[in-house]
């Protein structure tokens, strides 16, 4: 019984840890106006790379600051990006645009 319970807890913990990936904040911009999205004037957009895919996301919240070149832990689910900070707190933000996968230049 103890083994079964321990195995279930270990499996659940490893599944949770694997759902978040290391992502790179490639840049941020103060978007004055975007015709392709429902963003309004003067919204901050972050550009985040997960593997070979680039995403544009809205500001995750007033207390979340990210810098170009920063590595974060994030995951994508149903049009949203979830960002987990070093303390384990998760912020949810809307994906404004998901670009095409980055192709090899070789």
PDB file of N, CA and C in Angstrom:
ATOM      1  N   UNK A   1       0.820  -1.188   0.000  1.00  0.00           N
ATOM      2  CA  UNK A   1       0.000   0.000   0.000  1.00  0.00           C
ATOM      3  C   UNK A   1       0.872   1.263   0.000  1.00  0.00           C
ATOM      4  N   UNK A   2       1.908   1.281   0.846  1.00  0.00           N
ATOM      5  CA  UNK A   2       2.787   2.446   0.899  1.00  0.00           C
ATOM      6  C   UNK A   2       3.509   2.639  -0.430  1.00  0.00           C
ATOM      7  N   UNK A   3       3.939   1.529  -1.040  1.00  0.00           N
ATOM      8  CA  UNK A   3       4.631   1.632  -2.328  1.00  0.00           C
ATOM      9  C   UNK A   3       3.728   2.231  -3.388  1.00  0.00           C
ATOM     10  N   UNK A   4       2.495   1.785  -3.400  1.00  0.00           N
ATOM     11  CA  UNK A   4       1.541   2.293  -4.388  1.00  0.00           C
ATOM     12  C   UNK A   4       1.319   3.793  -4.207  1.00  0.00           C
ATOM     13  N   UNK A   5       1.125   4.219  -2.979  1.00  0.00           N
ATOM     14  CA  UNK A   5       0.919   5.633  -2.694  1.00  0.00           C
ATOM     15  C   UNK A   5       2.153   6.450  -3.052  1.00  0.00           C
ATOM     16  N   UNK A   6       3.321   5.963  -2.697  1.00  0.00           N
ATOM     17  CA  UNK A   6       4.577   6.651  -3.003  1.00  0.00           C
ATOM     18  C   UNK A   6       4.764   6.776  -4.512  1.00  0.00           C
ATOM     19  N   UNK A   7       4.480   5.703  -5.242  1.00  0.00           N
ATOM     20  CA  UNK A   7       4.605   5.710  -6.696  1.00  0.00           C
ATOM     21  C   UNK A   7       3.653   6.735  -7.317  1.00  0.00           C
ATOM     22  N   UNK A   8       2.421   6.797  -6.828  1.00  0.00           N
ATOM     23  CA  UNK A   8       1.457   7.760  -7.360  1.00  0.00           C
ATOM     24  C   UNK A   8       1.900   9.193  -7.107  1.00  0.00           C
ATOM     25  N   UNK A   9       2.405   9.467  -5.924  1.00  0.00           N
ATOM     26  CA  UNK A   9       2.893  10.818  -5.614  1.00  0.00           C
ATOM     27  C   UNK A   9       4.099  11.178  -6.468  1.00  0.00           C
ATOM     28  N   UNK A  10       5.009  10.255  -6.630  1.00  0.00           N
ATOM     29  CA  UNK A  10       6.202  10.493  -7.447  1.00  0.00           C
ATOM     30  C   UNK A  10       5.820  10.737  -8.898  1.00  0.00           C
ATOM     31  N   UNK A  11       4.889   9.946  -9.419  1.00  0.00           N
ATOM     32  CA  UNK A  11       4.443  10.111 -10.797  1.00  0.00           C
ATOM     33  C   UNK A  11       3.750  11.455 -10.997  1.00  0.00           C
ATOM     34  N   UNK A  12       2.902  11.838 -10.075  1.00  0.00           N
ATOM     35  CA  UNK A  12       2.199  13.126 -10.178  1.00  0.00           C
ATOM     36  C   UNK A  12       3.176  14.287 -10.116  1.00  0.00           C
ATOM     37  N   UNK A  13       4.143  14.227  -9.222  1.00  0.00           N
ATOM     38  CA  UNK A  13       5.132  15.306  -9.087  1.00  0.00           C
ATOM     39  C   UNK A  13       5.982  15.424 -10.329  1.00  0.00           C
ATOM     40  N   UNK A  14       6.410  14.311 -10.889  1.00  0.00           N
ATOM     41  CA  UNK A  14       7.245  14.382 -12.088  1.00  0.00           C
ATOM     42  C   UNK A  14       6.442  14.862 -13.284  1.00  0.00           C
ATOM     43  N   UNK A  15       5.161  14.497 -13.359  1.00  0.00           N
ATOM     44  CA  UNK A  15       4.312  14.982 -14.443  1.00  0.00           C
ATOM     45  C   UNK A  15       4.116  16.478 -14.370  1.00  0.00           C
ATOM     46  N   UNK A  16       3.918  17.015 -13.161  1.00  0.00           N
ATOM     47  CA  UNK A  16       3.770  18.456 -12.983  1.00  0.00           C
ATOM     48  C   UNK A  16       5.052  19.184 -13.371  1.00  0.00           C
ATOM     49  N   UNK A  17       6.183  18.665 -12.950  1.00  0.00           N
ATOM     50  CA  UNK A  17       7.464  19.314 -13.236  1.00  0.00           C
ATOM     51  C   UNK A  17       7.752  19.308 -14.730  1.00  0.00           C
ATOM     52  N   UNK A  18       7.351  18.270 -15.434  1.00  0.00           N
ATOM     53  CA  UNK A  18       7.633  18.164 -16.853  1.00  0.00           C
ATOM     54  C   UNK A  18       6.716  19.034 -17.700  1.00  0.00           C
ATOM     55  N   UNK A  19       5.586  19.452 -17.171  1.00  0.00           N
ATOM     56  CA  UNK A  19       4.678  20.246 -17.973  1.00  0.00           C
ATOM     57  C   UNK A  19       5.212  21.662 -18.215  1.00  0.00           C
ATOM     58  N   UNK A  20       6.069  22.151 -17.359  1.00  0.00           N
ATOM     59  CA  UNK A  20       6.697  23.454 -17.553  1.00  0.00           C
ATOM     60  C   UNK A  20       8.033  23.265 -18.237  1.00  0.00           C
ATOM     61  N   UNK A  21       8.319  24.131 -19.220  1.00  0.00           N
ATOM     62  CA  UNK A  21       9.571  24.050 -19.968  1.00  0.00           C
ATOM     63  C   UNK A  21      10.378  25.309 -19.727  1.00  0.00           C
ATOM     64  N   UNK A  22      11.660  25.216 -19.968  1.00  0.00           N
ATOM     65  CA  UNK A  22      12.508  26.397 -19.904  1.00  0.00           C
ATOM     66  C   UNK A  22      12.296  27.191 -21.183  1.00  0.00           C
ATOM     67  N   UNK A  23      11.938  28.446 -21.033  1.00  0.00           N
ATOM     68  CA  UNK A  23      11.612  29.319 -22.150  1.00  0.00           C
ATOM     69  C   UNK A  23      12.530  30.543 -22.107  1.00  0.00           C
ATOM     70  N   UNK A  24      12.711  31.166 -23.254  1.00  0.00           N
ATOM     71  CA  UNK A  24      13.557  32.351 -23.350  1.00  0.00           C
ATOM     72  C   UNK A  24      12.725  33.570 -23.711  1.00  0.00           C
ATOM     73  N   UNK A  25      12.886  34.626 -22.935  1.00  0.00           N
ATOM     74  CA  UNK A  25      12.271  35.913 -23.279  1.00  0.00           C
ATOM     75  C   UNK A  25      13.218  36.553 -24.283  1.00  0.00           C
ATOM     76  N   UNK A  26      12.781  36.681 -25.533  1.00  0.00           N
ATOM     77  CA  UNK A  26      13.679  37.196 -26.568  1.00  0.00           C
ATOM     78  C   UNK A  26      13.642  38.715 -26.661  1.00  0.00           C
ATOM     79  N   UNK A  27      12.487  39.314 -26.334  1.00  0.00           N
ATOM     80  CA  UNK A  27      12.407  40.780 -26.320  1.00  0.00           C
ATOM     81  C   UNK A  27      11.056  41.191 -25.765  1.00  0.00           C
ATOM     82  N   UNK A  28      10.882  42.475 -25.535  1.00  0.00           N
ATOM     83  CA  UNK A  28       9.595  43.024 -25.148  1.00  0.00           C
ATOM     84  C   UNK A  28       9.416  44.329 -25.890  1.00  0.00           C
ATOM     85  N   UNK A  29       8.174  44.733 -26.048  1.00  0.00           N
ATOM     86  CA  UNK A  29       7.885  45.970 -26.771  1.00  0.00           C
ATOM     87  C   UNK A  29       6.658  46.621 -26.178  1.00  0.00           C
ATOM     88  N   UNK A  30       6.633  47.937 -26.225  1.00  0.00           N
ATOM     89  CA  UNK A  30       5.455  48.693 -25.838  1.00  0.00           C
ATOM     90  C   UNK A  30       4.665  48.897 -27.118  1.00  0.00           C
ATOM     91  N   UNK A  31       3.674  48.066 -27.330  1.00  0.00           N
ATOM     92  CA  UNK A  31       2.905  48.046 -28.563  1.00  0.00           C
ATOM     93  C   UNK A  31       1.937  49.221 -28.588  1.00  0.00           C
ATOM     94  N   UNK A  32       2.151  50.143 -29.521  1.00  0.00           N
ATOM     95  CA  UNK A  32       1.280  51.314 -29.616  1.00  0.00           C
ATOM     96  C   UNK A  32      -0.092  50.927 -30.167  1.00  0.00           C
ATOM     97  N   UNK A  33      -0.120  50.076 -31.184  1.00  0.00           N
ATOM     98  CA  UNK A  33      -1.399  49.654 -31.741  1.00  0.00           C
ATOM     99  C   UNK A  33      -1.180  48.441 -32.617  1.00  0.00           C
ATOM    100  N   UNK A  34      -2.050  47.479 -32.532  1.00  0.00           N
ATOM    101  CA  UNK A  34      -1.953  46.278 -33.349  1.00  0.00           C
ATOM    102  C   UNK A  34      -3.295  46.033 -34.023  1.00  0.00           C
ATOM    103  N   UNK A  35      -3.311  46.011 -35.342  1.00  0.00           N
ATOM    104  CA  UNK A  35      -4.551  45.770 -36.067  1.00  0.00           C
ATOM    105  C   UNK A  35      -4.919  44.298 -36.075  1.00  0.00           C
ATOM    106  N   UNK A  36      -3.954  43.414 -35.867  1.00  0.00           N
ATOM    107  CA  UNK A  36      -4.212  41.981 -35.957  1.00  0.00           C
ATOM    108  C   UNK A  36      -4.663  41.372 -34.637  1.00  0.00           C
ATOM    109  N   UNK A  37      -4.624  42.138 -33.572  1.00  0.00           N
ATOM    110  CA  UNK A  37      -5.047  41.581 -32.288  1.00  0.00           C
ATOM    111  C   UNK A  37      -6.040  42.519 -31.621  1.00  0.00           C
ATOM    112  N   UNK A  38      -6.610  42.057 -30.556  1.00  0.00           N
ATOM    113  CA  UNK A  38      -7.584  42.877 -29.840  1.00  0.00           C
ATOM    114  C   UNK A  38      -6.915  43.728 -28.763  1.00  0.00           C
ATOM    115  N   UNK A  39      -5.606  43.877 -28.840  1.00  0.00           N
ATOM    116  CA  UNK A  39      -4.877  44.680 -27.865  1.00  0.00           C
ATOM    117  C   UNK A  39      -5.223  46.154 -28.077  1.00  0.00           C
ATOM    118  N   UNK A  40      -5.248  46.895 -27.015  1.00  0.00           N
ATOM    119  CA  UNK A  40      -5.489  48.330 -27.115  1.00  0.00           C
ATOM    120  C   UNK A  40      -4.160  49.065 -27.089  1.00  0.00           C
ATOM    121  N   UNK A  41      -4.213  50.352 -27.128  1.00  0.00           N
ATOM    122  CA  UNK A  41      -2.997  51.168 -27.169  1.00  0.00           C
ATOM    123  C   UNK A  41      -2.134  50.975 -25.929  1.00  0.00           C
ATOM    124  N   UNK A  42      -0.826  51.093 -26.144  1.00  0.00           N
ATOM    125  CA  UNK A  42       0.184  51.080 -25.082  1.00  0.00           C
ATOM    126  C   UNK A  42       0.174  49.817 -24.214  1.00  0.00           C
ATOM    127  N   UNK A  43       0.033  48.682 -24.831  1.00  0.00           N
ATOM    128  CA  UNK A  43       0.147  47.415 -24.128  1.00  0.00           C
ATOM    129  C   UNK A  43       1.563  46.890 -24.265  1.00  0.00           C
ATOM    130  N   UNK A  44       2.052  46.270 -23.219  1.00  0.00           N
ATOM    131  CA  UNK A  44       3.379  45.670 -23.280  1.00  0.00           C
ATOM    132  C   UNK A  44       3.227  44.252 -23.786  1.00  0.00           C
ATOM    133  N   UNK A  45       4.012  43.914 -24.800  1.00  0.00           N
ATOM    134  CA  UNK A  45       4.059  42.564 -25.340  1.00  0.00           C
ATOM    135  C   UNK A  45       5.417  41.963 -25.034  1.00  0.00           C
ATOM    136  N   UNK A  46       5.426  40.698 -24.684  1.00  0.00           N
ATOM    137  CA  UNK A  46       6.672  39.964 -24.517  1.00  0.00           C
ATOM    138  C   UNK A  46       6.752  38.933 -25.623  1.00  0.00           C
ATOM    139  N   UNK A  47       7.950  38.686 -26.097  1.00  0.00           N
ATOM    140  CA  UNK A  47       8.204  37.681 -27.111  1.00  0.00           C
ATOM    141  C   UNK A  47       8.947  36.549 -26.419  1.00  0.00           C
ATOM    142  N   UNK A  48       8.339  35.374 -26.394  1.00  0.00           N
ATOM    143  CA  UNK A  48       8.879  34.240 -25.655  1.00  0.00           C
ATOM    144  C   UNK A  48       9.086  33.079 -26.621  1.00  0.00           C
ATOM    145  N   UNK A  49      10.237  32.442 -26.534  1.00  0.00           N
ATOM    146  CA  UNK A  49      10.555  31.289 -27.369  1.00  0.00           C
ATOM    147  C   UNK A  49      10.511  30.031 -26.512  1.00  0.00           C
ATOM    148  N   UNK A  50       9.726  29.069 -26.989  1.00  0.00           N
ATOM    149  CA  UNK A  50       9.683  27.746 -26.370  1.00  0.00           C
ATOM    150  C   UNK A  50      10.173  26.768 -27.425  1.00  0.00           C
ATOM    151  N   UNK A  51      11.360  26.242 -27.216  1.00  0.00           N
ATOM    152  CA  UNK A  51      11.933  25.349 -28.226  1.00  0.00           C
ATOM    153  C   UNK A  51      12.136  26.101 -29.523  1.00  0.00           C
ATOM    154  N   UNK A  52      11.402  25.688 -30.564  1.00  0.00           N
ATOM    155  CA  UNK A  52      11.538  26.317 -31.877  1.00  0.00           C
ATOM    156  C   UNK A  52      10.339  27.189 -32.238  1.00  0.00           C
ATOM    157  N   UNK A  53       9.497  27.497 -31.277  1.00  0.00           N
ATOM    158  CA  UNK A  53       8.292  28.280 -31.540  1.00  0.00           C
ATOM    159  C   UNK A  53       8.346  29.610 -30.793  1.00  0.00           C
ATOM    160  N   UNK A  54       8.005  30.687 -31.486  1.00  0.00           N
ATOM    161  CA  UNK A  54       7.951  32.017 -30.876  1.00  0.00           C
ATOM    162  C   UNK A  54       6.505  32.390 -30.562  1.00  0.00           C
ATOM    163  N   UNK A  55       6.310  33.023 -29.415  1.00  0.00           N
ATOM    164  CA  UNK A  55       4.992  33.482 -28.988  1.00  0.00           C
ATOM    165  C   UNK A  55       5.071  34.947 -28.609  1.00  0.00           C
ATOM    166  N   UNK A  56       4.000  35.680 -28.889  1.00  0.00           N
ATOM    167  CA  UNK A  56       3.825  37.030 -28.367  1.00  0.00           C
ATOM    168  C   UNK A  56       2.771  36.921 -27.287  1.00  0.00           C
ATOM    169  N   UNK A  57       3.099  37.421 -26.113  1.00  0.00           N
ATOM    170  CA  UNK A  57       2.147  37.345 -25.003  1.00  0.00           C
ATOM    171  C   UNK A  57       1.912  38.728 -24.426  1.00  0.00           C
ATOM    172  N   UNK A  58       0.750  38.903 -23.836  1.00  0.00           N
ATOM    173  CA  UNK A  58       0.433  40.146 -23.141  1.00  0.00           C
ATOM    174  C   UNK A  58       1.180  40.165 -21.809  1.00  0.00           C
ATOM    175  N   UNK A  59       1.257  41.313 -21.215  1.00  0.00           N
ATOM    176  CA  UNK A  59       1.884  41.459 -19.900  1.00  0.00           C
ATOM    177  C   UNK A  59       1.207  40.512 -18.919  1.00  0.00           C
ATOM    178  N   UNK A  60       1.969  39.606 -18.276  1.00  0.00           N
ATOM    179  CA  UNK A  60       1.361  38.617 -17.383  1.00  0.00           C
ATOM    180  C   UNK A  60       0.724  39.196 -16.125  1.00  0.00           C
ATOM    181  N   UNK A  61       1.003  40.399 -15.778  1.00  0.00           N
ATOM    182  CA  UNK A  61       0.431  41.025 -14.593  1.00  0.00           C
ATOM    183  C   UNK A  61       1.278  42.198 -14.166  1.00  0.00           C
ATOM    184  N   UNK A  62       0.732  43.078 -13.351  1.00  0.00           N
ATOM    185  CA  UNK A  62       1.461  44.288 -12.976  1.00  0.00           C
ATOM    186  C   UNK A  62       2.713  44.007 -12.142  1.00  0.00           C
ATOM    187  N   UNK A  63       2.766  42.870 -11.475  1.00  0.00           N
ATOM    188  CA  UNK A  63       3.921  42.559 -10.627  1.00  0.00           C
ATOM    189  C   UNK A  63       4.911  41.620 -11.297  1.00  0.00           C
ATOM    190  N   UNK A  64       4.684  41.295 -12.571  1.00  0.00           N
ATOM    191  CA  UNK A  64       5.574  40.387 -13.292  1.00  0.00           C
ATOM    192  C   UNK A  64       6.451  41.199 -14.220  1.00  0.00           C
ATOM    193  N   UNK A  65       7.752  41.114 -14.016  1.00  0.00           N
ATOM    194  CA  UNK A  65       8.702  41.789 -14.888  1.00  0.00           C
ATOM    195  C   UNK A  65       9.616  40.756 -15.507  1.00  0.00           C
ATOM    196  N   UNK A  66       9.788  40.857 -16.816  1.00  0.00           N
ATOM    197  CA  UNK A  66      10.700  39.964 -17.522  1.00  0.00           C
ATOM    198  C   UNK A  66      11.602  40.821 -18.390  1.00  0.00           C
ATOM    199  N   UNK A  67      12.817  40.349 -18.595  1.00  0.00           N
ATOM    200  CA  UNK A  67      13.796  41.078 -19.387  1.00  0.00           C
ATOM    201  C   UNK A  67      14.255  40.244 -20.562  1.00  0.00           C
ATOM    202  N   UNK A  68      14.664  40.912 -21.635  1.00  0.00           N
ATOM    203  CA  UNK A  68      15.214  40.210 -22.786  1.00  0.00           C
ATOM    204  C   UNK A  68      16.398  39.369 -22.350  1.00  0.00           C
ATOM    205  N   UNK A  69      16.446  38.129 -22.825  1.00  0.00           N
ATOM    206  CA  UNK A  69      17.526  37.220 -22.477  1.00  0.00           C
ATOM    207  C   UNK A  69      17.255  36.406 -21.224  1.00  0.00           C
ATOM    208  N   UNK A  70      16.196  36.709 -20.510  1.00  0.00           N
ATOM    209  CA  UNK A  70      15.864  35.990 -19.284  1.00  0.00           C
ATOM    210  C   UNK A  70      15.292  34.616 -19.613  1.00  0.00           C
ATOM    211  N   UNK A  71      15.622  33.633 -18.797  1.00  0.00           N
ATOM    212  CA  UNK A  71      15.050  32.284 -18.919  1.00  0.00           C
ATOM    213  C   UNK A  71      13.949  32.151 -17.875  1.00  0.00           C
ATOM    214  N   UNK A  72      12.805  31.650 -18.309  1.00  0.00           N
ATOM    215  CA  UNK A  72      11.657  31.475 -17.432  1.00  0.00           C
ATOM    216  C   UNK A  72      11.131  30.049 -17.578  1.00  0.00           C
ATOM    217  N   UNK A  73      10.214  29.666 -16.712  1.00  0.00           N
ATOM    218  CA  UNK A  73       9.545  28.373 -16.814  1.00  0.00           C
ATOM    219  C   UNK A  73       8.107  28.643 -17.214  1.00  0.00           C
ATOM    220  N   UNK A  74       7.689  28.033 -18.321  1.00  0.00           N
ATOM    221  CA  UNK A  74       6.344  28.301 -18.806  1.00  0.00           C
ATOM    222  C   UNK A  74       5.764  27.072 -19.493  1.00  0.00           C
ATOM    223  N   UNK A  75       4.456  27.137 -19.709  1.00  0.00           N
ATOM    224  CA  UNK A  75       3.759  26.124 -20.492  1.00  0.00           C
ATOM    225  C   UNK A  75       2.607  26.800 -21.212  1.00  0.00           C
ATOM    226  N   UNK A  76       2.148  26.182 -22.300  1.00  0.00           N
ATOM    227  CA  UNK A  76       1.062  26.712 -23.110  1.00  0.00           C
ATOM    228  C   UNK A  76      -0.117  25.765 -23.013  1.00  0.00           C
ATOM    229  N   UNK A  77      -1.312  26.354 -22.821  1.00  0.00           N
ATOM    230  CA  UNK A  77      -2.519  25.541 -22.762  1.00  0.00           C
ATOM    231  C   UNK A  77      -3.720  26.386 -23.181  1.00  0.00           C
ATOM    232  N   UNK A  78      -4.403  25.972 -24.234  1.00  0.00           N
ATOM    233  CA  UNK A  78      -5.668  26.565 -24.693  1.00  0.00           C
ATOM    234  C   UNK A  78      -5.607  28.083 -24.858  1.00  0.00           C
ATOM    235  N   UNK A  79      -4.605  28.563 -25.573  1.00  0.00           N
ATOM    236  CA  UNK A  79      -4.517  29.992 -25.875  1.00  0.00           C
ATOM    237  C   UNK A  79      -3.917  30.853 -24.785  1.00  0.00           C
ATOM    238  N   UNK A  80      -3.418  30.226 -23.738  1.00  0.00           N
ATOM    239  CA  UNK A  80      -2.796  30.967 -22.642  1.00  0.00           C
ATOM    240  C   UNK A  80      -1.402  30.421 -22.366  1.00  0.00           C
ATOM    241  N   UNK A  81      -0.542  31.287 -21.826  1.00  0.00           N
ATOM    242  CA  UNK A  81       0.765  30.866 -21.361  1.00  0.00           C
ATOM    243  C   UNK A  81       0.765  31.014 -19.844  1.00  0.00           C
ATOM    244  N   UNK A  82       1.244  29.996 -19.184  1.00  0.00           N
ATOM    245  CA  UNK A  82       1.357  29.986 -17.730  1.00  0.00           C
ATOM    246  C   UNK A  82       2.836  30.095 -17.393  1.00  0.00           C
ATOM    247  N   UNK A  83       3.189  31.095 -16.590  1.00  0.00           N
ATOM    248  CA  UNK A  83       4.587  31.369 -16.238  1.00  0.00           C
ATOM    249  C   UNK A  83       4.760  31.148 -14.754  1.00  0.00           C
ATOM    250  N   UNK A  84       5.717  30.286 -14.412  1.00  0.00           N
ATOM    251  CA  UNK A  84       5.979  29.974 -13.002  1.00  0.00           C
ATOM    252  C   UNK A  84       7.266  30.666 -12.579  1.00  0.00           C
ATOM    253  N   UNK A  85       7.197  31.455 -11.512  1.00  0.00           N
ATOM    254  CA  UNK A  85       8.389  32.160 -11.035  1.00  0.00           C
ATOM    255  C   UNK A  85       9.216  31.265 -10.115  1.00  0.00           C
ATOM    256  N   UNK A  86      10.311  31.799  -9.609  1.00  0.00           N
ATOM    257  CA  UNK A  86      11.238  31.017  -8.785  1.00  0.00           C
ATOM    258  C   UNK A  86      10.622  30.573  -7.460  1.00  0.00           C
ATOM    259  N   UNK A  87       9.558  31.245  -7.026  1.00  0.00           N
ATOM    260  CA  UNK A  87       8.888  30.874  -5.777  1.00  0.00           C
ATOM    261  C   UNK A  87       7.729  29.899  -6.005  1.00  0.00           C
ATOM    262  N   UNK A  88       7.482  29.539  -7.277  1.00  0.00           N
ATOM    263  CA  UNK A  88       6.417  28.603  -7.601  1.00  0.00           C
ATOM    264  C   UNK A  88       5.085  29.244  -7.919  1.00  0.00           C
ATOM    265  N   UNK A  89       5.008  30.583  -7.845  1.00  0.00           N
ATOM    266  CA  UNK A  89       3.762  31.284  -8.156  1.00  0.00           C
ATOM    267  C   UNK A  89       3.558  31.284  -9.674  1.00  0.00           C
ATOM    268  N   UNK A  90       2.326  31.009 -10.102  1.00  0.00           N
ATOM    269  CA  UNK A  90       2.014  30.920 -11.524  1.00  0.00           C
ATOM    270  C   UNK A  90       1.183  32.118 -11.954  1.00  0.00           C
ATOM    271  N   UNK A  91       1.579  32.742 -13.073  1.00  0.00           N
ATOM    272  CA  UNK A  91       0.822  33.834 -13.679  1.00  0.00           C
ATOM    273  C   UNK A  91       0.290  33.348 -15.022  1.00  0.00           C
ATOM    274  N   UNK A  92      -0.939  33.714 -15.330  1.00  0.00           N
ATOM    275  CA  UNK A  92      -1.589  33.317 -16.578  1.00  0.00           C
ATOM    276  C   UNK A  92      -1.707  34.541 -17.470  1.00  0.00           C
ATOM    277  N   UNK A  93      -1.333  34.390 -18.744  1.00  0.00           N
ATOM    278  CA  UNK A  93      -1.443  35.497 -19.685  1.00  0.00           C
ATOM    279  C   UNK A  93      -1.940  34.998 -21.033  1.00  0.00           C
ATOM    280  N   UNK A  94      -2.566  35.875 -21.754  1.00  0.00           N
ATOM    281  CA  UNK A  94      -3.122  35.536 -23.068  1.00  0.00           C
ATOM    282  C   UNK A  94      -2.037  35.539 -24.133  1.00  0.00           C
ATOM    283  N   UNK A  95      -2.081  34.544 -25.014  1.00  0.00           N
ATOM    284  CA  UNK A  95      -1.174  34.520 -26.165  1.00  0.00           C
ATOM    285  C   UNK A  95      -1.794  35.388 -27.246  1.00  0.00           C
ATOM    286  N   UNK A  96      -1.061  36.412 -27.659  1.00  0.00           N
ATOM    287  CA  UNK A  96      -1.535  37.333 -28.677  1.00  0.00           C
ATOM    288  C   UNK A  96      -1.300  36.750 -30.060  1.00  0.00           C
ATOM    289  N   UNK A  97      -0.138  36.108 -30.258  1.00  0.00           N
ATOM    290  CA  UNK A  97       0.202  35.543 -31.559  1.00  0.00           C
ATOM    291  C   UNK A  97       1.211  34.420 -31.362  1.00  0.00           C
ATOM    292  N   UNK A  98       1.026  33.356 -32.096  1.00  0.00           N
ATOM    293  CA  UNK A  98       2.000  32.257 -32.121  1.00  0.00           C
ATOM    294  C   UNK A  98       2.552  32.193 -33.531  1.00  0.00           C
ATOM    295  N   UNK A  99       3.856  32.412 -33.658  1.00  0.00           N
ATOM    296  CA  UNK A  99       4.485  32.414 -34.973  1.00  0.00           C
ATOM    297  C   UNK A  99       4.716  31.016 -35.502  1.00  0.00           C
ATOM    298  N   UNK A 100       5.280  30.959 -36.670  1.00  0.00           N
ATOM    299  CA  UNK A 100       5.634  29.692 -37.291  1.00  0.00           C
ATOM    300  C   UNK A 100       6.870  29.118 -36.612  1.00  0.00           C
ATOM    301  N   UNK A 101       6.996  27.790 -36.603  1.00  0.00           N
ATOM    302  CA  UNK A 101       8.228  27.192 -36.033  1.00  0.00           C
ATOM    303  C   UNK A 101       9.461  27.723 -36.755  1.00  0.00           C
ATOM    304  N   UNK A 102      10.513  27.947 -35.996  1.00  0.00           N
ATOM    305  CA  UNK A 102      11.765  28.446 -36.549  1.00  0.00           C
ATOM    306  C   UNK A 102      12.415  27.345 -37.379  1.00  0.00           C
ATOM    307  N   UNK A 103      12.753  27.641 -38.604  1.00  0.00           N
ATOM    308  CA  UNK A 103      13.374  26.678 -39.505  1.00  0.00           C
ATOM    309  C   UNK A 103      14.886  26.730 -39.361  1.00  0.00           C
ATOM    310  N   UNK A 104      15.535  25.606 -39.601  1.00  0.00           N
ATOM    311  CA  UNK A 104      17.002  25.585 -39.602  1.00  0.00           C
ATOM    312  C   UNK A 104      17.520  26.443 -40.734  1.00  0.00           C
ATOM    313  N   UNK A 105      18.554  27.196 -40.471  1.00  0.00           N
ATOM    314  CA  UNK A 105      19.131  28.102 -41.471  1.00  0.00           C
ATOM    315  C   UNK A 105      20.271  27.442 -42.243  1.00  0.00           C
ATOM    316  N   UNK A 106      20.519  26.180 -42.074  1.00  0.00           N
ATOM    317  CA  UNK A 106      21.695  25.506 -42.640  1.00  0.00           C
ATOM    318  C   UNK A 106      21.404  24.908 -43.962  1.00  0.00           C
TER     319      UNK A 106
END
